[in-house]
Amino acid sequence: QVQLAESGGDVVQPGGSLRLSCAASGSIDRILNMGWYRQAPGKQRELVAMITSGGTTNYVDSVKGRFAISRGNAKNTVYLQMNSLKPEDTAVYYCKAYSPVSAYWGRGTQVIVSS
């Protein structure tokens, strides 16, 4: 089993920045890829960014050039640096970790972009 804990969500003005963190515990040696998803009110959860165990990243088009995903040296942490935030980035952000046989979700952290 893998447990994930997100942190870093906050209320920020448009144009501001936030850095989300996700720490994994438990069977972390099984973790391969890690990603960030978000779910806005009334909308489906969507993939925001993904990073593979080899460091390859991909992003949803709406955040390209503004967000950056990275992993810590210990590989059991993943970060999401969010710059130039827009009101449409408002959502609950979830961390997800993939093992060869399963996937795990964190409980989410709230990001509100508002003036």
Protein backbone atom coordinates (compact mmCIF):
# COMPACT_ATOMS: atom_id res chain seq x y z
CA GLN A 1 0.00 0.00 0.00
CA VAL A 2 1.00 3.57 -0.67
CA GLN A 3 -0.28 6.59 1.20
CA LEU A 4 -0.14 10.06 -0.33
CA ALA A 5 -0.36 13.39 1.46
CA GLU A 6 -0.70 16.64 -0.46
CA SER A 7 0.04 20.10 0.87
CA GLY A 8 0.49 23.64 -0.37
CA GLY A 9 -3.01 24.59 -1.44
CA ASP A 10 -4.07 28.14 -0.66
CA VAL A 11 -5.97 31.19 -1.81
CA VAL A 12 -3.95 33.23 -4.28
CA GLN A 13 -4.60 36.20 -6.55
CA PRO A 14 -4.59 35.84 -10.34
CA GLY A 15 -1.05 35.92 -11.62
CA GLY A 16 0.31 34.50 -8.41
CA SER A 17 2.23 31.29 -7.75
CA LEU A 18 1.88 28.24 -5.56
CA ARG A 19 3.92 25.11 -5.05
CA LEU A 20 2.08 21.91 -4.23
CA SER A 21 3.84 18.99 -2.59
CA CYS A 22 2.91 15.34 -2.35
CA ALA A 23 4.72 12.95 -0.04
CA ALA A 24 4.35 9.21 -0.43
CA SER A 25 4.78 6.68 2.35
CA GLY A 26 4.38 2.94 2.66
CA SER A 27 5.52 0.75 -0.23
CA ILE A 28 7.28 3.59 -2.01
CA ASP A 29 9.71 1.25 -3.76
CA ARG A 30 6.80 0.18 -5.96
CA ILE A 31 6.01 3.67 -7.20
CA LEU A 32 6.64 4.27 -10.87
CA ASN A 33 4.91 7.31 -12.32
CA MET A 34 3.36 10.13 -10.32
CA GLY A 35 0.90 12.76 -11.36
CA TRP A 36 -1.28 15.67 -10.39
CA TYR A 37 -4.98 15.81 -11.19
CA ARG A 38 -7.54 18.47 -10.42
CA GLN A 39 -11.28 18.66 -10.07
CA ALA A 40 -13.16 21.93 -10.27
CA PRO A 41 -16.72 22.25 -8.95
CA GLY A 42 -19.16 20.60 -11.31
CA LYS A 43 -16.42 19.23 -13.55
CA GLN A 44 -14.73 15.90 -14.05
CA ARG A 45 -11.33 15.23 -12.59
CA GLU A 46 -8.63 15.87 -15.15
CA LEU A 47 -4.95 15.08 -15.47
CA VAL A 48 -2.82 18.19 -15.03
CA ALA A 49 0.72 16.83 -15.18
CA MET A 50 2.53 13.53 -15.08
CA ILE A 51 6.13 12.53 -14.45
CA THR A 52 7.55 9.08 -15.11
CA SER A 53 10.15 7.28 -13.06
CA GLY A 54 12.64 8.30 -15.74
CA GLY A 55 11.74 11.97 -15.49
CA THR A 56 9.64 12.34 -18.62
CA THR A 57 6.88 14.89 -18.12
CA ASN A 58 3.66 15.78 -19.85
CA TYR A 59 1.03 18.42 -19.23
CA VAL A 60 -2.50 19.26 -20.17
CA ASP A 61 -2.47 22.02 -22.76
CA SER A 62 -4.09 24.59 -20.47
CA VAL A 63 -1.12 24.60 -18.06
CA LYS A 64 1.81 24.23 -20.46
CA GLY A 65 4.36 26.97 -19.88
CA ARG A 66 2.86 27.85 -16.49
CA PHE A 67 3.10 24.66 -14.40
CA ALA A 68 6.08 22.41 -13.77
CA ILE A 69 6.07 18.96 -12.22
CA SER A 70 9.15 17.53 -10.57
CA ARG A 71 10.19 14.75 -8.22
CA GLY A 72 12.34 14.93 -5.15
CA ASN A 73 15.69 13.20 -4.90
CA ALA A 74 14.17 10.41 -2.86
CA LYS A 75 11.58 9.77 -5.63
CA ASN A 76 8.80 9.54 -3.04
CA THR A 77 7.84 13.17 -3.38
CA VAL A 78 6.36 15.06 -6.28
CA TYR A 79 5.91 18.79 -6.66
CA LEU A 80 3.78 20.99 -8.82
CA GLN A 81 5.06 24.52 -9.30
CA MET A 82 2.18 26.66 -10.52
CA ASN A 83 2.88 30.12 -11.92
CA SER A 84 0.70 32.74 -13.58
CA LEU A 85 -2.34 31.26 -11.93
CA LYS A 86 -5.75 31.96 -13.40
CA PRO A 87 -9.22 31.78 -11.86
CA GLU A 88 -9.89 28.72 -14.00
CA ASP A 89 -7.10 26.91 -12.14
CA THR A 90 -9.32 26.88 -9.07
CA ALA A 91 -9.87 23.27 -8.07
CA VAL A 92 -9.00 20.55 -5.63
CA TYR A 93 -5.64 19.15 -6.68
CA TYR A 94 -4.96 15.45 -6.16
CA CYS A 95 -1.74 13.52 -6.24
CA LYS A 96 -1.72 10.07 -7.84
CA ALA A 97 0.95 7.40 -7.74
CA TYR A 98 1.19 4.35 -9.96
CA SER A 99 2.69 0.98 -9.11
CA PRO A 100 2.92 -1.98 -11.50
CA VAL A 101 -0.40 -3.34 -10.23
CA SER A 102 -2.33 -0.44 -8.74
CA ALA A 103 -2.81 3.29 -8.41
CA TYR A 104 -3.20 5.40 -5.31
CA TRP A 105 -4.81 8.77 -4.63
CA GLY A 106 -4.22 11.43 -2.05
CA ARG A 107 -7.06 13.32 -0.40
CA GLY A 108 -6.43 16.54 -2.26
CA THR A 109 -5.49 20.11 -1.50
CA GLN A 110 -7.64 23.12 -2.37
CA VAL A 111 -6.37 25.85 -4.67
CA ILE A 112 -8.46 28.99 -5.05
CA VAL A 113 -7.42 31.70 -7.49
CA SER A 114 -9.42 34.82 -6.83
CA SER A 115 -8.99 38.55 -6.48
